Every structure is written in structure tokens, then in C-alpha cells.
Amino acid sequence: MPRPGVLLVNLGTPDAPVPAAIRRYLKEFLLDDRVVERDGLLSRFFWRLVLHGIILPWRARRSAAKYALIWGADSPLREHTRLQAEKLRETLSRRGLSVSVFWAMRYGKPAIADVLARMQAEGIERLLVLPLYPQYSASTTASALDAVFAWCKTCRNQPELRVIRSFPAHPAYLSALEERVRSHWAERGFLPPDGRLVLSFHGLPEKSRLLGDPYYDECIQTAGLLAERLGLDEQVCRVAFQSRFGRDAWLQPDTFSVLRELAEEGVNRVDVFCPGFAADCLETLEEIAEAGKNIFLQASRSANAEFNYISALNESSAWINALADLVNEHGFSCGGLSAE
């Protein structure tokens, strides 16, 4: 039986919380045509000028201070992704599946091409690619798969390949989300009558939606199903989009704007959860847990206002079991890919 392997793919992270490393990472990220869509050679040329002359020098210095706030022995995103791969391997083994599990970053290290080469060197002949993006977007899932397929073009003896596109309504994923929120409430107390739960997803330019990207619809689908499981209506459970970049119109409503509105309405407690992030990273630990908290508390009219960030799925047992279910359902059976 050919050896099966799973490749978990996450977005990426700098090598260190310093401007030089962040500049290298941002350059790779922002030169991806899937991330910043520019039509025509002239538009791409001017984008490169702006990127190298303005954005990279300014943003690298600014981001270095933010990364320094969350950085431990390593980047949180890289550490959580590594642990997820290890725990997934252990869970699959307990289920009787002998499957090698690897992990890679779309931008930064370990690079997808390097990990795929290592998998091939170790004899992996059947490969399942699982991007850690529950909701599909061309700028995330498609870009990760582009890198996989680009490596395949260089490979004479290609592995049998299968990919997981997205899983916004998968029961095990929703159960993991529900368990994470309920665990937080068990520790902090359930939402009071005037409390609100904000589900913050990463944003995208509005034009991506108009061009047919299903990301917005899949985020709304996840949010609606999670709210139903939690017994919350649309008034209590709000959906928002974060991490806006550039001057183009982005998906609405904006997370920071929603937090200000809730504070000005007199809401005393806000819990924020980011269902689209499989692991905590800069966008959750700094942008939401720090900047979002400051925005809400500063705009609040109450001295007793409370802001809580609900941590990402990370290595929770429910999430690892959800990943194992996805692997099993998408082709791994009896130690190899099924022939279905």
C-alpha cells in the first residue's frame, strides 16, 4: 500500500519579530497576485513601486512592534500549526490510521515546496492537502493550492493528490467552535442580557465578492450555524470583518466600527471570537485582543465595561478531532487513500 501523507497549510509568519524579517515576509505575501489583484502589466509595475518604496519600509517597522508583543519562543501561528500537526498525527494513530502529517506555510517557512520535497523523499505517494482555512477564498485556499500545483509541475513522479477545498458547515468544525465558546463562558460566565458576541472574520476587498469569491457567503453560513447552536439571535450575535488593508472597499461591517457602535449603544460586555482562524496569530492576539479591546473600552460609557477575546481553536481536542474527521472523510481509510 502506498504511503499516505497529510499536509496542513497555514498562511505564514515572519522568521523573527524584526523589520528585516517582516519585510521579507510581507514582500512574498503582497506580491502574490491572488492577494493583491492588479490588472495589466502597468498596474503591477506601479504596485511594485509603491510596495517597495512606501509600504514595505513603513509597514515592516510598524508590524515589528506588534509582533514583539505576541512573540514567545516562536511565532504563535507557527507554534500552534506545528502542535496541530503533531496532535493530528497522534489522533489518527489512535484511530488505527498510519498517516504521516506534515505542515507548511504559504508565505515564510517552512515553505510548501520544501515540505512537499521532504514528503516525497520520505516515500509519501498519496497526499491529502488540508489548507487550514474553513472558508474558501481565492486569496487563501486557492493561493495555497497554487503553490502545491506549482511544485507538482517540477515533479516527474507526482504523488496521488487530493485537496480539501473548505468546510464552513462541517458538523465537527462547528462543534469545535461551539465547544470553544461554551468553555470560555464556563470560565467567564454566560453573556448577560445586554452582552454581545461578535464573530470577527478576516476581511477581503469587496470586489473579490463581486467577482464570484464565495468567502463572504461561507463566513455568513458558519456564523449563522454557530449562532443557532449557541441559541443566539442576530441581535446578540454580530458578524464583522477585520484586517482591512488599502483604500479599496472591503467587506462590511468592519469589526472596529462594530465595537465602537456597541460601546456607544451602552453594551457593557462584548466577547469576540474569530471562527475563521484555526490558530492564534497577529490578527487575533494583537488586532483583536489588544487593539479591539482598547477601541471598545475607550468608546464605552460605562466604567464596568468588559471586553473578552475568545482564543482560537489552536490545539483543542475538539478541533483536532474535527481535522481527523476531515482527513478520514476525504480519502484515508485502512492506511491509504480510498478508491471512491
Protein backbone atom coordinates (compact mmCIF):
# COMPACT_ATOMS: atom_id res chain seq x y z
CA MET A 1 0.00 0.00 0.00
CA PRO A 2 1.48 3.39 -0.99
CA ARG A 3 2.36 5.59 1.99
CA PRO A 4 -0.25 8.29 2.70
CA GLY A 5 0.52 11.76 4.00
CA VAL A 6 -1.40 14.84 5.07
CA LEU A 7 -0.14 18.37 4.53
CA LEU A 8 -1.62 21.10 6.75
CA VAL A 9 -1.15 24.55 5.25
CA ASN A 10 -1.46 27.85 7.10
CA LEU A 11 -0.97 31.40 5.88
CA GLY A 12 2.50 32.23 7.13
CA THR A 13 4.59 34.26 9.52
CA PRO A 14 7.94 36.10 9.61
CA ASP A 15 11.05 34.32 10.81
CA ALA A 16 11.52 36.83 13.63
CA PRO A 17 9.79 39.92 15.07
CA VAL A 18 12.24 42.32 13.45
CA PRO A 19 11.77 44.70 10.48
CA ALA A 20 14.10 42.83 8.09
CA ALA A 21 12.34 39.50 8.57
CA ILE A 22 8.90 41.08 8.40
CA ARG A 23 9.84 42.92 5.22
CA ARG A 24 10.84 39.62 3.54
CA TYR A 25 7.60 38.02 4.64
CA LEU A 26 5.39 40.92 3.54
CA LYS A 27 7.15 41.12 0.18
CA GLU A 28 6.33 37.49 -0.57
CA PHE A 29 2.78 37.93 0.70
CA LEU A 30 1.91 41.18 -1.07
CA LEU A 31 3.48 40.17 -4.39
CA ASP A 32 1.08 37.24 -4.66
CA ASP A 33 -1.39 38.14 -7.41
CA ARG A 34 -4.06 36.22 -5.50
CA VAL A 35 -3.65 38.56 -2.53
CA VAL A 36 -3.36 41.89 -4.33
CA GLU A 37 -5.16 41.59 -7.64
CA ARG A 38 -3.77 44.02 -10.22
CA ASP A 39 -4.95 44.05 -13.84
CA GLY A 40 -2.35 44.59 -16.52
CA LEU A 41 1.42 44.98 -16.58
CA LEU A 42 1.29 48.72 -15.90
CA SER A 43 -0.82 48.29 -12.79
CA ARG A 44 1.51 45.56 -11.49
CA PHE A 45 4.54 47.75 -12.23
CA PHE A 46 3.18 50.69 -10.23
CA TRP A 47 2.14 48.35 -7.41
CA ARG A 48 5.72 47.11 -7.12
CA LEU A 49 6.99 50.70 -6.96
CA VAL A 50 4.54 51.59 -4.19
CA LEU A 51 5.20 48.33 -2.36
CA HIS A 52 9.00 48.66 -2.29
CA GLY A 53 9.13 52.43 -1.92
CA ILE A 54 6.41 53.08 0.65
CA ILE A 55 4.53 50.10 2.05
CA LEU A 56 7.34 47.68 2.95
CA PRO A 57 9.63 50.18 4.77
CA TRP A 58 6.72 51.70 6.73
CA ARG A 59 4.72 48.56 7.45
CA ALA A 60 7.73 46.43 8.41
CA ARG A 61 8.75 48.85 11.16
CA ARG A 62 5.17 49.24 12.36
CA SER A 63 4.47 45.50 12.35
CA ALA A 64 7.71 44.68 14.18
CA ALA A 65 6.41 46.41 17.31
CA LYS A 66 3.15 44.48 17.08
CA TYR A 67 4.84 41.12 16.56
CA ALA A 68 7.11 41.81 19.53
CA LEU A 69 4.00 41.98 21.75
CA ILE A 70 2.88 38.43 20.91
CA TRP A 71 6.14 36.64 20.11
CA GLY A 72 7.29 33.93 22.51
CA ALA A 73 9.90 31.31 21.73
CA ASP A 74 8.50 31.40 18.20
CA SER A 75 5.65 32.89 16.23
CA PRO A 76 2.31 31.82 17.79
CA LEU A 77 0.95 30.86 14.38
CA ARG A 78 3.91 28.61 13.58
CA GLU A 79 3.91 27.05 17.05
CA HIS A 80 0.17 26.30 17.02
CA THR A 81 0.31 24.87 13.50
CA ARG A 82 3.21 22.60 14.44
CA LEU A 83 1.35 21.34 17.51
CA GLN A 84 -1.82 20.78 15.49
CA ALA A 85 0.13 18.56 13.09
CA GLU A 86 1.64 16.58 15.95
CA LYS A 87 -1.68 16.08 17.70
CA LEU A 88 -3.45 15.19 14.46
CA ARG A 89 -0.84 12.50 13.81
CA GLU A 90 -1.42 11.09 17.30
CA THR A 91 -5.21 11.17 16.90
CA LEU A 92 -5.11 9.41 13.53
CA SER A 93 -2.82 6.78 15.03
CA ARG A 94 -5.30 6.16 17.86
CA ARG A 95 -7.96 5.69 15.22
CA GLY A 96 -5.86 2.98 13.59
CA LEU A 97 -4.60 5.07 10.66
CA SER A 98 -0.89 5.11 9.93
CA VAL A 99 -0.66 8.52 8.29
CA SER A 100 2.29 10.90 8.18
CA VAL A 101 1.28 14.50 8.94
CA PHE A 102 3.34 17.46 7.79
CA TRP A 103 2.77 21.21 7.96
CA ALA A 104 3.82 24.20 5.88
CA MET A 105 3.29 27.92 5.44
CA ARG A 106 2.12 29.58 2.24
CA TYR A 107 4.46 32.50 2.96
CA GLY A 108 7.61 32.20 5.01
CA LYS A 109 8.99 28.97 6.46
CA PRO A 110 8.60 26.07 6.24
CA ALA A 111 7.69 26.68 2.60
CA ILE A 112 5.20 24.44 0.83
CA ALA A 113 7.65 23.38 -1.88
CA ASP A 114 10.32 22.43 0.67
CA VAL A 115 7.90 20.34 2.73
CA LEU A 116 6.49 18.60 -0.35
CA ALA A 117 10.02 17.70 -1.45
CA ARG A 118 10.68 16.26 2.01
CA MET A 119 7.46 14.26 1.90
CA GLN A 120 8.42 12.81 -1.47
CA ALA A 121 11.90 11.97 -0.19
CA GLU A 122 10.30 10.08 2.69
CA GLY A 123 8.23 7.99 0.29
CA ILE A 124 4.82 9.69 0.55
CA GLU A 125 2.92 8.61 -2.57
CA ARG A 126 -0.63 9.59 -1.66
CA LEU A 127 -1.12 13.15 -0.49
CA LEU A 128 -4.05 14.98 1.06
CA VAL A 129 -3.67 18.78 1.24
CA LEU A 130 -5.69 20.43 4.01
CA PRO A 131 -5.49 24.25 4.00
CA LEU A 132 -6.40 25.47 7.48
CA TYR A 133 -8.96 27.93 6.10
CA PRO A 134 -12.51 26.80 6.92
CA GLN A 135 -13.98 29.33 4.47
CA TYR A 136 -12.72 29.30 0.88
CA SER A 137 -11.14 32.36 -0.68
CA ALA A 138 -9.03 32.76 -3.78
CA SER A 139 -6.52 34.76 -1.70
CA THR A 140 -6.03 31.98 0.84
CA THR A 141 -7.09 28.47 -0.21
CA ALA A 142 -6.54 28.96 -3.94
CA SER A 143 -3.15 30.57 -3.34
CA ALA A 144 -2.06 27.64 -1.15
CA LEU A 145 -3.16 25.18 -3.81
CA ASP A 146 -1.36 27.24 -6.48
CA ALA A 147 1.87 26.62 -4.57
CA VAL A 148 1.14 22.88 -4.34
CA PHE A 149 0.39 22.63 -8.06
CA ALA A 150 3.47 24.71 -8.93
CA TRP A 151 5.61 22.17 -7.09
CA CYS A 152 3.84 19.35 -8.93
CA LYS A 153 4.87 20.94 -12.24
CA THR A 154 8.52 20.43 -11.25
CA CYS A 155 7.97 16.85 -10.13
CA ARG A 156 8.48 14.00 -12.59
CA ASN A 157 6.96 11.31 -10.36
CA GLN A 158 3.95 13.11 -8.91
CA PRO A 159 2.08 11.77 -5.88
CA GLU A 160 -1.60 10.92 -5.98
CA LEU A 161 -3.19 14.17 -4.87
CA ARG A 162 -6.39 15.16 -3.13
CA VAL A 163 -7.33 18.52 -1.61
CA ILE A 164 -9.90 19.81 0.86
CA ARG A 165 -11.44 22.98 -0.52
CA SER A 166 -13.33 24.29 2.52
CA PHE A 167 -15.54 23.14 5.39
CA PRO A 168 -17.64 26.10 6.64
CA ALA A 169 -20.60 23.92 7.67
CA HIS A 170 -18.86 20.71 8.70
CA PRO A 171 -20.51 19.42 11.91
CA ALA A 172 -17.21 18.61 13.63
CA TYR A 173 -15.80 22.07 12.86
CA LEU A 174 -18.97 23.71 14.17
CA SER A 175 -18.83 21.53 17.27
CA ALA A 176 -15.25 22.66 17.90
CA LEU A 177 -16.32 26.30 17.58
CA GLU A 178 -19.27 25.77 19.91
CA GLU A 179 -17.12 23.97 22.46
CA ARG A 180 -14.57 26.79 22.44
CA VAL A 181 -17.21 29.47 23.07
CA ARG A 182 -19.00 27.47 25.76
CA SER A 183 -15.70 26.72 27.51
CA HIS A 184 -14.99 30.44 27.60
CA TRP A 185 -18.44 31.13 29.03
CA ALA A 186 -17.94 28.43 31.65
CA GLU A 187 -14.86 30.35 32.80
CA ARG A 188 -16.12 33.92 32.45
CA GLY A 189 -19.85 33.50 32.93
CA PHE A 190 -22.54 33.45 30.25
CA LEU A 191 -23.33 36.63 28.34
CA PRO A 192 -25.56 38.98 30.36
CA PRO A 193 -28.81 40.25 28.78
CA ASP A 194 -27.05 43.29 27.32
CA GLY A 195 -23.95 41.36 26.25
CA ARG A 196 -22.94 40.71 22.66
CA LEU A 197 -20.92 38.03 20.86
CA VAL A 198 -19.02 39.39 17.86
CA LEU A 199 -17.84 36.85 15.28
CA SER A 200 -14.92 38.51 13.51
CA PHE A 201 -13.71 37.03 10.22
CA HIS A 202 -10.72 38.21 8.22
CA GLY A 203 -11.79 40.76 5.65
CA LEU A 204 -11.44 40.82 1.87
CA PRO A 205 -11.84 43.54 -0.75
CA GLU A 206 -15.48 43.86 -1.77
CA LYS A 207 -14.52 43.38 -5.41
CA SER A 208 -13.48 39.79 -4.68
CA ARG A 209 -17.06 39.06 -3.70
CA LEU A 210 -18.39 40.77 -6.83
CA LEU A 211 -16.03 38.64 -8.94
CA GLY A 212 -17.56 35.47 -7.52
CA ASP A 213 -15.44 34.64 -4.48
CA PRO A 214 -17.68 32.60 -2.10
CA TYR A 215 -15.81 33.67 1.04
CA TYR A 216 -18.42 36.11 2.34
CA ASP A 217 -21.26 33.62 1.90
CA GLU A 218 -19.31 30.87 3.64
CA CYS A 219 -18.49 33.16 6.57
CA ILE A 220 -22.17 34.05 6.94
CA GLN A 221 -23.04 30.36 6.74
CA THR A 222 -20.59 29.47 9.52
CA ALA A 223 -21.76 32.37 11.69
CA GLY A 224 -25.43 31.50 11.28
CA LEU A 225 -24.95 27.84 12.12
CA LEU A 226 -22.77 28.64 15.15
CA ALA A 227 -25.26 31.21 16.46
CA GLU A 228 -28.03 28.62 16.10
CA ARG A 229 -26.01 26.09 18.12
CA LEU A 230 -25.39 28.71 20.81
CA GLY A 231 -29.03 29.77 20.89
CA LEU A 232 -28.28 33.40 19.96
CA ASP A 233 -30.24 35.63 17.59
CA GLU A 234 -28.82 38.21 15.16
CA GLN A 235 -29.21 40.98 17.72
CA VAL A 236 -26.89 39.26 20.20
CA CYS A 237 -24.54 37.55 17.75
CA ARG A 238 -22.97 40.05 15.33
CA VAL A 239 -20.82 39.27 12.30
CA ALA A 240 -17.95 41.57 11.31
CA PHE A 241 -14.78 41.62 9.18
CA GLN A 242 -11.32 42.74 10.28
CA SER A 243 -7.80 43.46 8.97
CA ARG A 244 -8.64 45.95 6.26
CA PHE A 245 -5.69 46.93 4.05
CA GLY A 246 -5.53 49.72 1.45
CA ARG A 247 -8.15 52.17 0.25
CA ASP A 248 -10.46 49.82 -1.65
CA ALA A 249 -13.89 48.99 -0.27
CA TRP A 250 -13.78 45.91 1.95
CA LEU A 251 -16.40 43.53 3.27
CA GLN A 252 -18.69 45.14 5.81
CA PRO A 253 -19.31 45.71 8.64
CA ASP A 254 -15.84 46.50 9.92
CA THR A 255 -15.01 44.88 13.28
CA PHE A 256 -13.63 48.04 14.89
CA SER A 257 -16.68 50.00 13.77
CA VAL A 258 -18.99 47.39 15.28
CA LEU A 259 -17.10 47.52 18.59
CA ARG A 260 -17.44 51.32 18.71
CA GLU A 261 -21.14 51.13 17.90
CA LEU A 262 -21.79 48.56 20.63
CA ALA A 263 -19.89 50.65 23.17
CA GLU A 264 -21.82 53.79 22.22
CA GLU A 265 -25.11 51.87 22.47
CA GLY A 266 -24.31 51.10 26.11
CA VAL A 267 -23.41 47.44 25.75
CA ASN A 268 -21.45 46.53 28.88
CA ARG A 269 -19.87 43.28 27.75
CA VAL A 270 -18.53 42.12 24.40
CA ASP A 271 -16.98 38.73 23.68
CA VAL A 272 -15.13 38.47 20.36
CA PHE A 273 -14.43 35.17 18.63
CA CYS A 274 -12.67 34.61 15.28
CA PRO A 275 -14.11 31.41 13.73
CA GLY A 276 -12.06 31.68 10.54
CA PHE A 277 -8.70 31.49 12.32
CA ALA A 278 -7.55 27.96 13.09
CA ALA A 279 -4.71 29.30 15.24
CA ASP A 280 -4.00 32.47 17.17
CA CYS A 281 -1.76 34.92 15.36
CA LEU A 282 -1.08 38.65 14.99
CA GLU A 283 -4.60 39.29 13.70
CA THR A 284 -6.21 37.78 16.78
CA LEU A 285 -3.74 38.38 19.62
CA GLU A 286 -2.79 41.96 18.71
CA GLU A 287 -5.52 43.27 16.42
CA ILE A 288 -8.49 41.90 18.38
CA ALA A 289 -7.31 41.07 21.90
CA GLU A 290 -5.32 44.32 22.24
CA ALA A 291 -6.41 46.95 19.70
CA GLY A 292 -10.03 45.83 19.62
CA LYS A 293 -10.21 45.83 23.39
CA ASN A 294 -8.82 49.35 23.59
CA ILE A 295 -11.30 50.61 21.00
CA PHE A 296 -14.29 49.15 22.84
CA LEU A 297 -13.27 50.26 26.32
CA GLN A 298 -12.32 53.77 25.23
CA ALA A 299 -15.64 54.23 23.44
CA SER A 300 -17.69 52.76 26.29
CA ARG A 301 -19.77 54.96 28.54
CA SER A 302 -19.56 52.52 31.42
CA ALA A 303 -16.77 52.16 33.94
CA ASN A 304 -17.72 48.50 34.25
CA ALA A 305 -17.42 47.69 30.55
CA GLU A 306 -15.90 44.27 29.86
CA PHE A 307 -14.15 43.00 26.72
CA ASN A 308 -13.18 39.36 26.27
CA TYR A 309 -11.27 37.76 23.42
CA ILE A 310 -12.11 34.07 22.98
CA SER A 311 -8.95 32.29 21.86
CA ALA A 312 -8.79 30.45 18.54
CA LEU A 313 -9.25 26.70 18.16
CA ASN A 314 -5.48 26.10 18.43
CA GLU A 315 -4.86 22.58 19.80
CA SER A 316 -8.26 21.99 21.42
CA SER A 317 -9.23 18.31 21.36
CA ALA A 318 -12.49 19.10 19.56
CA TRP A 319 -10.60 20.86 16.75
CA ILE A 320 -8.02 18.10 16.38
CA ASN A 321 -10.85 15.56 16.21
CA ALA A 322 -12.52 17.72 13.55
CA LEU A 323 -9.32 17.68 11.49
CA ALA A 324 -9.12 13.90 11.90
CA ASP A 325 -12.72 13.59 10.69
CA LEU A 326 -11.92 15.69 7.64
CA VAL A 327 -8.89 13.56 6.84
CA ASN A 328 -10.85 10.35 7.24
CA GLU A 329 -13.81 11.57 5.17
CA HIS A 330 -11.64 12.81 2.33
CA GLY A 331 -9.98 9.58 1.50
CA PHE A 332 -7.90 7.97 4.21
CA SER A 333 -9.09 4.51 5.06
CA CYS A 334 -7.20 1.39 6.14
CA GLY A 335 -3.86 3.19 5.90
CA GLY A 336 -4.33 4.70 2.43
CA LEU A 337 -6.49 6.77 0.16
CA SER A 338 -9.77 5.08 -0.65
CA ALA A 339 -10.68 4.39 -4.25
CA GLU A 340 -14.02 6.15 -4.15
